[in-house]
Amino acid sequence: MSKSALSVLVVEDHGFQRRMALRLLGELGIAPVLEAADGASALRILREREARSGPHPIDLVLVDLDMPGMDGIEFIDHLAHEQLARAVLVVSALDPALLHTVQTMARVSGLRVLEAVAKPLTKAKLSNALTALRQTKACEEPPAPLEITEAQAREALESGAIEPWFQLQVELGNGRAVGVEALARWRRDDGRVILPQYFVPLLDAQDLLDELTQRMLAQACRYKRGWDREGLRLRLSVNVSASALDDAGAADRYQRIVREAGVAAGEVVLELTESSLMADAARGLAVLARLRLKGFGLSIDDFGTGWSSLSQLSQVPFTELKIDQEFVAGASHQPRKRAVVEASLDLARKLGLGVVAEGVETVEDWQMLAELGCATAQGRLIGDAVPGPELRAALGRWRRPEH
């Protein structure tokens, strides 16, 4: 994608700063650029653009938060709900904590949010933001089909089209690969790969999540057994559905699956999201205790994204804590995120838990985690999830980085 292919709108009430942003964009090869002096005018421009050209959201909106009339926060809310933009770059001299809150709000609303840029805007800051936008667009998966039926999702599960892909987990101290997380992917006949958020709700509606869990566990264990034979010993992490906590027979069933694959339960970590535990831990404690008794590791996934983390940690026999990517990504230069990471690591140490940091995307975040004593990391910096037959190649790329 060429530089000029990006469509950009600058929303800034200060005339000089708006002209400066337009000039910097021009120097970076972005032209022509739309401009507006306030939120209401910007919305009118975007709505007219949509009426004229159809539903093609503008690539990027640069917006200040502190504007007269409609402030930037209200404006971003409109952008999200009307799907008028693909991404937002907040340019503001306001408190970094407020900027982070706005970023989170926009992401929840479905907008891609680039790292906030503090005023004054410079060519270097703008260039970095545009590079991040292009990289994200380049690696973005094709859009999911508009229509996926429950019957199609069920057929995909039963036919084996939904399969585990694997993302490496490596030690921060020496970069050695120590594990993989199995992540469900649906590879369609046309080659398109569909992510879980598109098909898991359809399987959930048919009470098929436990079936999905069992299939992922069985297939992932078969891959692991093959790697073991080749001398590649990697701990295996598999996500477990909340519905499994309601079934008293789940522990025996999972034990049977790993035994039949020739894998030791002690080399398998079952990941449970904090949100699912909030609803099910009280009645599922016996299942969780029996899983630990059989040797499985238990990991609390997405730690910190729920409202009862400490309660769950005090009740459930976890062996591992996974720090959610929401806190890891960008923590090297965002003090509040770093504080959450530090507190999570300290808590894990005191409880004797292993720690995996998710969403490690930059060398700076890697270095910060290493300095703080985090043991293990996974994320785009190390490598995206790949099909089982391609894991060796992914491991080779990690061991011999191009840079």
Protein backbone atom coordinates (compact mmCIF):
# COMPACT_ATOMS: atom_id res chain seq x y z
CA MET A 1 0.00 0.00 0.00
CA SER A 2 1.53 3.35 -1.00
CA LYS A 3 1.69 6.22 1.40
CA SER A 4 -0.82 8.32 -0.51
CA ALA A 5 -3.33 5.48 -0.36
CA LEU A 6 -4.24 6.46 3.20
CA SER A 7 -7.29 8.68 3.71
CA VAL A 8 -6.92 11.03 6.67
CA LEU A 9 -9.05 13.62 8.48
CA VAL A 10 -7.52 16.17 10.88
CA VAL A 11 -9.88 17.54 13.56
CA GLU A 12 -8.29 20.46 15.42
CA ASP A 13 -9.84 23.72 16.59
CA HIS A 14 -6.54 25.61 16.70
CA GLY A 15 -5.91 26.94 13.18
CA PHE A 16 -2.11 26.99 13.34
CA GLN A 17 -1.86 23.49 14.79
CA ARG A 18 -4.30 22.17 12.21
CA ARG A 19 -2.23 23.69 9.39
CA MET A 20 0.92 22.24 10.95
CA ALA A 21 -0.62 18.75 10.99
CA LEU A 22 -1.64 19.11 7.34
CA ARG A 23 1.88 20.21 6.39
CA LEU A 24 3.52 17.31 8.25
CA LEU A 25 1.16 14.83 6.61
CA GLY A 26 1.99 16.31 3.22
CA GLU A 27 5.71 15.93 3.90
CA LEU A 28 5.04 12.27 4.71
CA GLY A 29 3.28 11.76 1.37
CA ILE A 30 -0.31 11.88 2.66
CA ALA A 31 -2.38 14.11 0.38
CA PRO A 32 -5.01 15.32 0.00
CA VAL A 33 -6.13 15.45 3.65
CA LEU A 34 -9.58 16.38 4.95
CA GLU A 35 -9.79 18.93 7.78
CA ALA A 36 -12.31 20.19 10.30
CA ALA A 37 -12.22 22.75 13.12
CA ASP A 38 -14.61 20.92 15.44
CA GLY A 39 -16.35 17.61 16.02
CA ALA A 40 -19.69 18.59 14.52
CA SER A 41 -18.05 19.74 11.28
CA ALA A 42 -15.95 16.58 11.14
CA LEU A 43 -18.99 14.35 11.51
CA ARG A 44 -20.77 16.27 8.76
CA ILE A 45 -17.77 15.77 6.44
CA LEU A 46 -17.59 12.04 7.16
CA ARG A 47 -21.34 11.52 6.79
CA GLU A 48 -21.40 13.39 3.47
CA ARG A 49 -18.40 11.34 2.33
CA GLU A 50 -20.25 8.13 3.18
CA ALA A 51 -23.44 9.29 1.43
CA ARG A 52 -21.42 10.14 -1.67
CA SER A 53 -19.03 7.16 -1.83
CA GLY A 54 -20.77 4.45 0.17
CA PRO A 55 -19.72 2.77 3.42
CA HIS A 56 -15.92 3.11 3.11
CA PRO A 57 -14.66 4.38 6.48
CA ILE A 58 -11.81 6.84 6.41
CA ASP A 59 -8.49 5.22 7.35
CA LEU A 60 -7.40 7.60 10.10
CA VAL A 61 -8.78 10.50 12.11
CA LEU A 62 -6.38 12.75 14.03
CA VAL A 63 -8.32 14.39 16.83
CA ASP A 64 -7.66 16.61 19.82
CA LEU A 65 -9.73 15.95 22.93
CA ASP A 66 -10.10 19.47 24.26
CA MET A 67 -12.29 21.16 21.64
CA PRO A 68 -15.15 23.65 21.99
CA GLY A 69 -18.70 22.43 21.51
CA MET A 70 -18.46 18.70 20.90
CA ASP A 71 -15.33 17.50 22.70
CA GLY A 72 -13.07 14.81 21.30
CA ILE A 73 -14.43 12.09 23.57
CA GLU A 74 -18.00 12.59 22.36
CA PHE A 75 -16.72 12.80 18.78
CA ILE A 76 -14.86 9.47 19.08
CA ASP A 77 -18.02 7.89 20.48
CA HIS A 78 -19.91 8.98 17.34
CA LEU A 79 -17.12 7.63 15.11
CA ALA A 80 -17.33 4.24 16.77
CA HIS A 81 -21.11 3.86 16.72
CA GLU A 82 -21.51 5.07 13.14
CA GLN A 83 -18.40 3.19 11.92
CA LEU A 84 -17.11 6.26 10.14
CA ALA A 85 -13.38 5.56 10.65
CA ARG A 86 -11.01 2.62 10.79
CA ALA A 87 -8.55 4.13 13.25
CA VAL A 88 -8.09 7.10 15.56
CA LEU A 89 -4.95 8.92 16.64
CA VAL A 90 -5.48 11.10 19.71
CA VAL A 91 -3.23 14.16 19.63
CA SER A 92 -3.44 16.03 22.90
CA ALA A 93 -1.42 17.71 25.62
CA LEU A 94 -3.73 16.36 28.33
CA ASP A 95 -2.94 14.00 31.20
CA PRO A 96 -1.52 10.65 29.94
CA ALA A 97 -3.90 8.77 32.26
CA LEU A 98 -6.89 10.44 30.56
CA LEU A 99 -5.44 9.65 27.14
CA HIS A 100 -5.16 5.99 28.12
CA THR A 101 -8.78 5.97 29.32
CA VAL A 102 -9.92 7.37 25.98
CA GLN A 103 -7.89 4.76 24.12
CA THR A 104 -9.54 1.99 26.11
CA MET A 105 -13.00 3.46 25.55
CA ALA A 106 -12.47 3.64 21.80
CA ARG A 107 -11.16 0.07 21.60
CA VAL A 108 -14.20 -1.20 23.49
CA SER A 109 -16.37 0.63 20.96
CA GLY A 110 -14.67 -1.22 18.12
CA LEU A 111 -12.24 1.42 16.88
CA ARG A 112 -8.57 0.67 16.27
CA VAL A 113 -6.63 3.14 18.37
CA LEU A 114 -3.04 4.08 17.63
CA GLU A 115 -0.72 5.03 20.45
CA ALA A 116 -1.73 8.48 21.72
CA VAL A 117 0.63 11.31 20.74
CA ALA A 118 1.30 14.21 23.10
CA LYS A 119 1.42 17.71 21.68
CA PRO A 120 3.31 19.27 20.02
CA LEU A 121 2.89 17.04 16.97
CA THR A 122 6.17 16.40 15.14
CA LYS A 123 7.08 14.69 11.90
CA ALA A 124 8.78 11.85 13.79
CA LYS A 125 5.76 11.21 16.04
CA LEU A 126 3.40 11.27 13.09
CA SER A 127 5.63 9.02 11.00
CA ASN A 128 5.76 6.42 13.79
CA ALA A 129 1.98 6.46 14.12
CA LEU A 130 1.45 6.02 10.37
CA THR A 131 3.97 3.17 10.29
CA ALA A 132 2.05 1.42 13.07
CA LEU A 133 -1.20 1.90 11.14
CA ARG A 134 0.26 0.46 7.93
CA GLN A 135 1.78 -2.52 9.74
CA THR A 136 -1.56 -3.27 11.38
CA LYS A 137 -3.40 -3.02 8.05
CA ALA A 138 -0.80 -5.21 6.32
CA CYS A 139 -1.15 -8.07 8.81
CA GLU A 140 -4.89 -7.69 9.25
CA GLU A 141 -6.76 -10.86 8.37
CA PRO A 142 -9.41 -10.80 5.64
CA PRO A 143 -12.79 -9.79 7.02
CA ALA A 144 -14.90 -12.62 8.34
CA PRO A 145 -17.87 -13.63 6.23
CA LEU A 146 -20.90 -11.51 6.96
CA GLU A 147 -23.01 -14.62 7.40
CA ILE A 148 -21.86 -17.68 9.33
CA THR A 149 -24.67 -19.91 10.48
CA GLU A 150 -24.77 -22.14 13.52
CA ALA A 151 -25.04 -25.13 11.18
CA GLN A 152 -21.87 -24.09 9.34
CA ALA A 153 -19.97 -23.68 12.62
CA ARG A 154 -21.15 -27.09 13.81
CA GLU A 155 -20.14 -28.72 10.52
CA ALA A 156 -16.70 -27.06 10.73
CA LEU A 157 -16.21 -28.47 14.22
CA GLU A 158 -17.38 -31.97 13.33
CA SER A 159 -15.37 -32.14 10.10
CA GLY A 160 -12.13 -31.03 11.76
CA ALA A 161 -11.95 -27.72 9.89
CA ILE A 162 -11.55 -26.00 13.27
CA GLU A 163 -8.06 -26.93 14.38
CA PRO A 164 -5.39 -25.81 16.85
CA TRP A 165 -2.75 -23.34 15.77
CA PHE A 166 0.19 -22.72 18.08
CA GLN A 167 1.84 -19.58 19.43
CA LEU A 168 5.28 -19.86 20.98
CA GLN A 169 5.99 -19.02 24.61
CA VAL A 170 9.62 -18.18 25.34
CA GLU A 171 11.76 -17.43 28.39
CA LEU A 172 12.60 -13.76 28.71
CA GLY A 173 15.95 -14.53 30.30
CA ASN A 174 17.44 -16.39 27.34
CA GLY A 175 14.82 -16.49 24.59
CA ARG A 176 14.48 -20.28 24.79
CA ALA A 177 11.13 -21.66 23.61
CA VAL A 178 9.46 -23.45 26.53
CA GLY A 179 5.84 -23.80 25.49
CA VAL A 180 3.03 -23.23 23.04
CA GLU A 181 -0.55 -22.09 23.43
CA ALA A 182 -3.10 -23.89 21.26
CA LEU A 183 -5.52 -21.41 19.66
CA ALA A 184 -8.61 -22.48 17.69
CA ARG A 185 -8.69 -21.49 14.02
CA TRP A 186 -11.24 -22.31 11.33
CA ARG A 187 -9.60 -22.75 7.94
CA ARG A 188 -12.27 -22.62 5.23
CA ASP A 189 -12.12 -24.29 1.84
CA ASP A 190 -11.39 -20.92 0.22
CA GLY A 191 -8.25 -20.58 2.36
CA ARG A 192 -9.66 -17.91 4.63
CA VAL A 193 -8.78 -18.33 8.31
CA ILE A 194 -11.55 -17.36 10.73
CA LEU A 195 -10.72 -16.32 14.29
CA PRO A 196 -12.60 -17.67 17.33
CA GLN A 197 -14.59 -14.52 18.06
CA TYR A 198 -16.63 -15.23 14.91
CA PHE A 199 -17.48 -18.88 15.51
CA VAL A 200 -17.22 -19.50 19.27
CA PRO A 201 -20.50 -17.67 20.05
CA LEU A 202 -22.25 -19.85 17.45
CA LEU A 203 -20.87 -23.02 19.04
CA ASP A 204 -21.77 -21.72 22.50
CA ALA A 205 -25.38 -21.26 21.39
CA GLN A 206 -25.44 -24.99 20.57
CA ASP A 207 -23.71 -26.08 23.80
CA LEU A 208 -20.68 -27.23 21.82
CA LEU A 209 -17.91 -25.37 23.65
CA ASP A 210 -16.88 -28.39 25.70
CA GLU A 211 -16.76 -30.44 22.48
CA LEU A 212 -14.49 -27.74 21.02
CA THR A 213 -12.27 -27.89 24.12
CA GLN A 214 -11.93 -31.67 23.92
CA ARG A 215 -11.11 -31.62 20.21
CA MET A 216 -8.50 -28.87 20.68
CA LEU A 217 -6.95 -30.76 23.60
CA ALA A 218 -6.82 -34.08 21.70
CA GLN A 219 -5.38 -32.60 18.50
CA ALA A 220 -2.88 -30.41 20.35
CA CYS A 221 -1.68 -33.37 22.40
CA ARG A 222 -1.07 -35.39 19.23
CA TYR A 223 1.10 -32.58 17.88
CA LYS A 224 2.93 -32.34 21.18
CA ARG A 225 3.61 -36.07 21.20
CA GLY A 226 5.15 -35.75 17.75
CA TRP A 227 7.36 -32.88 18.84
CA ASP A 228 8.39 -34.85 21.92
CA ARG A 229 9.58 -37.71 19.71
CA GLU A 230 11.66 -35.23 17.70
CA GLY A 231 13.30 -33.98 20.89
CA LEU A 232 11.32 -30.72 21.05
CA ARG A 233 9.84 -30.62 24.54
CA LEU A 234 7.30 -27.83 24.85
CA ARG A 235 4.71 -27.31 27.55
CA LEU A 236 1.22 -27.20 26.05
CA SER A 237 -1.45 -24.65 27.06
CA VAL A 238 -5.07 -25.21 26.02
CA ASN A 239 -8.08 -23.00 26.71
CA VAL A 240 -10.94 -24.60 28.65
CA SER A 241 -14.54 -23.52 28.26
CA ALA A 242 -16.50 -22.34 31.28
CA SER A 243 -19.11 -25.04 30.64
CA ALA A 244 -16.53 -27.68 31.60
CA LEU A 245 -16.65 -26.44 35.19
CA ASP A 246 -20.27 -27.59 35.42
CA ASP A 247 -19.42 -31.18 34.48
CA ALA A 248 -18.16 -33.41 37.28
CA GLY A 249 -16.70 -35.82 34.72
CA ALA A 250 -14.51 -33.23 32.98
CA ALA A 251 -11.36 -34.02 34.95
CA ASP A 252 -11.50 -37.75 34.12
CA ARG A 253 -12.32 -37.00 30.49
CA TYR A 254 -9.37 -34.63 30.03
CA GLN A 255 -7.05 -37.09 31.75
CA ARG A 256 -8.15 -39.84 29.37
CA ILE A 257 -7.57 -37.59 26.34
CA VAL A 258 -3.97 -36.77 27.26
CA ARG A 259 -3.18 -40.36 28.25
CA GLU A 260 -4.45 -41.70 24.92
CA ALA A 261 -2.18 -39.20 23.16
CA GLY A 262 0.81 -40.33 25.22
CA VAL A 263 1.26 -36.99 26.96
CA ALA A 264 1.78 -36.46 30.69
CA ALA A 265 -0.83 -34.28 32.38
CA GLY A 266 2.00 -32.40 34.09
CA GLU A 267 3.07 -31.01 30.71
CA VAL A 268 -0.38 -29.58 29.95
CA VAL A 269 -1.70 -26.27 31.29
CA LEU A 270 -5.44 -25.63 31.14
CA GLU A 271 -6.23 -21.93 30.77
CA LEU A 272 -9.43 -20.52 32.23
CA THR A 273 -10.44 -16.94 31.55
CA GLU A 274 -11.09 -14.79 34.56
CA SER A 275 -14.54 -13.83 33.27
CA SER A 276 -15.63 -17.47 33.09
CA LEU A 277 -14.32 -18.14 36.59
CA MET A 278 -16.33 -15.27 37.99
CA ALA A 279 -19.50 -17.07 36.98
CA ASP A 280 -18.53 -20.67 37.54
CA ALA A 281 -15.73 -21.09 40.06
CA ALA A 282 -17.99 -21.49 43.08
CA ARG A 283 -19.60 -24.65 41.71
CA GLY A 284 -16.59 -25.76 39.70
CA LEU A 285 -13.98 -25.81 42.47
CA ALA A 286 -14.21 -29.59 42.76
CA VAL A 287 -13.48 -30.01 39.05
CA LEU A 288 -10.54 -27.62 39.25
CA ALA A 289 -9.15 -29.34 42.34
CA ARG A 290 -9.39 -32.76 40.64
CA LEU A 291 -7.61 -31.43 37.55
CA ARG A 292 -4.73 -30.29 39.77
CA LEU A 293 -4.76 -33.63 41.56
CA LYS A 294 -4.29 -35.37 38.22
CA GLY A 295 -1.27 -33.17 37.50
CA PHE A 296 -2.64 -30.57 35.08
CA GLY A 297 -1.40 -27.02 35.43
CA LEU A 298 -4.10 -24.36 35.83
CA SER A 299 -3.67 -20.86 34.46
CA ILE A 300 -5.81 -17.80 35.10
CA ASP A 301 -6.00 -16.18 31.67
CA ASP A 302 -6.55 -12.47 30.94
CA PHE A 303 -5.63 -11.65 34.54
CA GLY A 304 -6.84 -8.25 35.68
CA THR A 305 -9.67 -7.90 33.18
CA GLY A 306 -12.36 -9.09 35.61
CA TRP A 307 -13.53 -7.67 38.90
CA SER A 308 -12.71 -10.44 41.35
CA SER A 309 -9.15 -11.45 40.53
CA LEU A 310 -7.91 -11.68 44.11
CA SER A 311 -10.94 -13.69 45.16
CA GLN A 312 -10.32 -16.20 42.35
CA LEU A 313 -6.64 -16.50 43.19
CA SER A 314 -7.45 -17.22 46.82
CA GLN A 315 -9.96 -19.97 45.97
CA VAL A 316 -8.61 -21.79 42.90
CA PRO A 317 -5.40 -23.90 42.91
CA PHE A 318 -3.74 -22.02 40.06
CA THR A 319 -0.18 -22.69 39.01
CA GLU A 320 0.16 -19.84 36.52
CA LEU A 321 -0.97 -16.28 35.96
CA LYS A 322 -1.20 -14.77 32.48
CA ILE A 323 -0.94 -10.98 32.34
CA ASP A 324 -3.40 -9.74 29.74
CA GLN A 325 -2.09 -8.03 26.61
CA GLU A 326 -4.17 -4.96 27.46
CA PHE A 327 -1.64 -4.20 30.21
CA VAL A 328 1.50 -5.52 28.51
CA ALA A 329 1.33 -3.75 25.14
CA GLY A 330 2.92 -0.32 25.50
CA ALA A 331 3.69 -0.75 29.21
CA SER A 332 7.32 0.26 28.64
CA HIS A 333 6.24 3.88 28.18
CA GLN A 334 2.86 3.99 29.95
CA PRO A 335 3.39 4.26 33.73
CA ARG A 336 -0.09 3.01 34.68
CA LYS A 337 0.20 -0.10 32.56
CA ARG A 338 3.69 -0.75 33.92
CA ALA A 339 2.36 -0.42 37.46
CA VAL A 340 -0.29 -3.09 36.78
CA VAL A 341 2.36 -5.41 35.31
CA GLU A 342 4.66 -4.86 38.30
CA ALA A 343 1.85 -5.49 40.78
CA SER A 344 0.81 -8.68 38.94
CA LEU A 345 4.38 -9.99 38.97
CA ASP A 346 4.79 -9.22 42.66
CA LEU A 347 1.52 -10.97 43.49
CA ALA A 348 2.49 -14.01 41.42
CA ARG A 349 5.84 -14.26 43.18
CA LYS A 350 4.21 -14.14 46.61
CA LEU A 351 1.72 -16.83 45.59
CA GLY A 352 4.37 -19.02 43.97
CA LEU A 353 2.79 -18.83 40.51
CA GLY A 354 4.48 -18.94 37.13
CA VAL A 355 3.85 -15.91 34.91
CA VAL A 356 3.30 -15.52 31.17
CA ALA A 357 3.00 -12.03 29.67
CA GLU A 358 0.73 -11.94 26.61
CA GLY A 359 0.76 -9.44 23.76
CA VAL A 360 4.50 -8.67 23.67
CA GLU A 361 4.88 -6.72 20.45
CA THR A 362 7.97 -4.50 20.85
CA VAL A 363 11.58 -4.89 21.96
CA GLU A 364 10.96 -2.14 24.53
CA ASP A 365 8.16 -4.11 26.20
CA TRP A 366 10.33 -7.26 26.11
CA GLN A 367 13.17 -5.41 27.84
CA MET A 368 10.84 -3.95 30.46
CA LEU A 369 9.40 -7.37 31.28
CA ALA A 370 12.89 -8.85 31.56
CA GLU A 371 13.97 -6.06 33.91
CA LEU A 372 10.91 -6.67 36.09
CA GLY A 373 11.71 -10.38 36.35
CA CYS A 374 8.86 -11.80 34.26
CA ALA A 375 9.65 -15.41 33.31
CA THR A 376 7.83 -16.07 30.04
CA ALA A 377 6.37 -14.11 27.14
CA GLN A 378 4.27 -14.63 24.03
CA GLY A 379 3.12 -12.24 21.35
CA ARG A 380 3.68 -10.88 17.88
CA LEU A 381 7.32 -9.97 18.58
CA ILE A 382 8.02 -13.68 19.02
CA GLY A 383 5.59 -14.86 16.38
CA ASP A 384 1.92 -15.23 15.48
CA ALA A 385 0.07 -18.50 15.87
CA VAL A 386 0.84 -21.02 13.12
CA PRO A 387 -0.57 -24.44 12.12
CA GLY A 388 1.07 -27.41 13.84
CA PRO A 389 3.14 -28.52 10.81
CA GLU A 390 4.63 -25.00 10.59
CA LEU A 391 5.78 -24.72 14.21
CA ARG A 392 9.32 -25.87 13.46
CA ALA A 393 9.67 -23.11 10.87
CA ALA A 394 8.26 -20.53 13.30
CA LEU A 395 10.76 -21.66 15.90
CA GLY A 396 13.54 -21.32 13.36
CA ARG A 397 12.46 -17.76 12.53
CA TRP A 398 12.49 -16.87 16.21
CA ARG A 399 15.95 -18.37 16.73
CA ARG A 400 17.32 -16.64 13.63
CA PRO A 401 15.57 -13.26 13.50
CA GLU A 402 16.10 -11.32 10.30
CA HIS A 403 17.17 -8.26 12.21
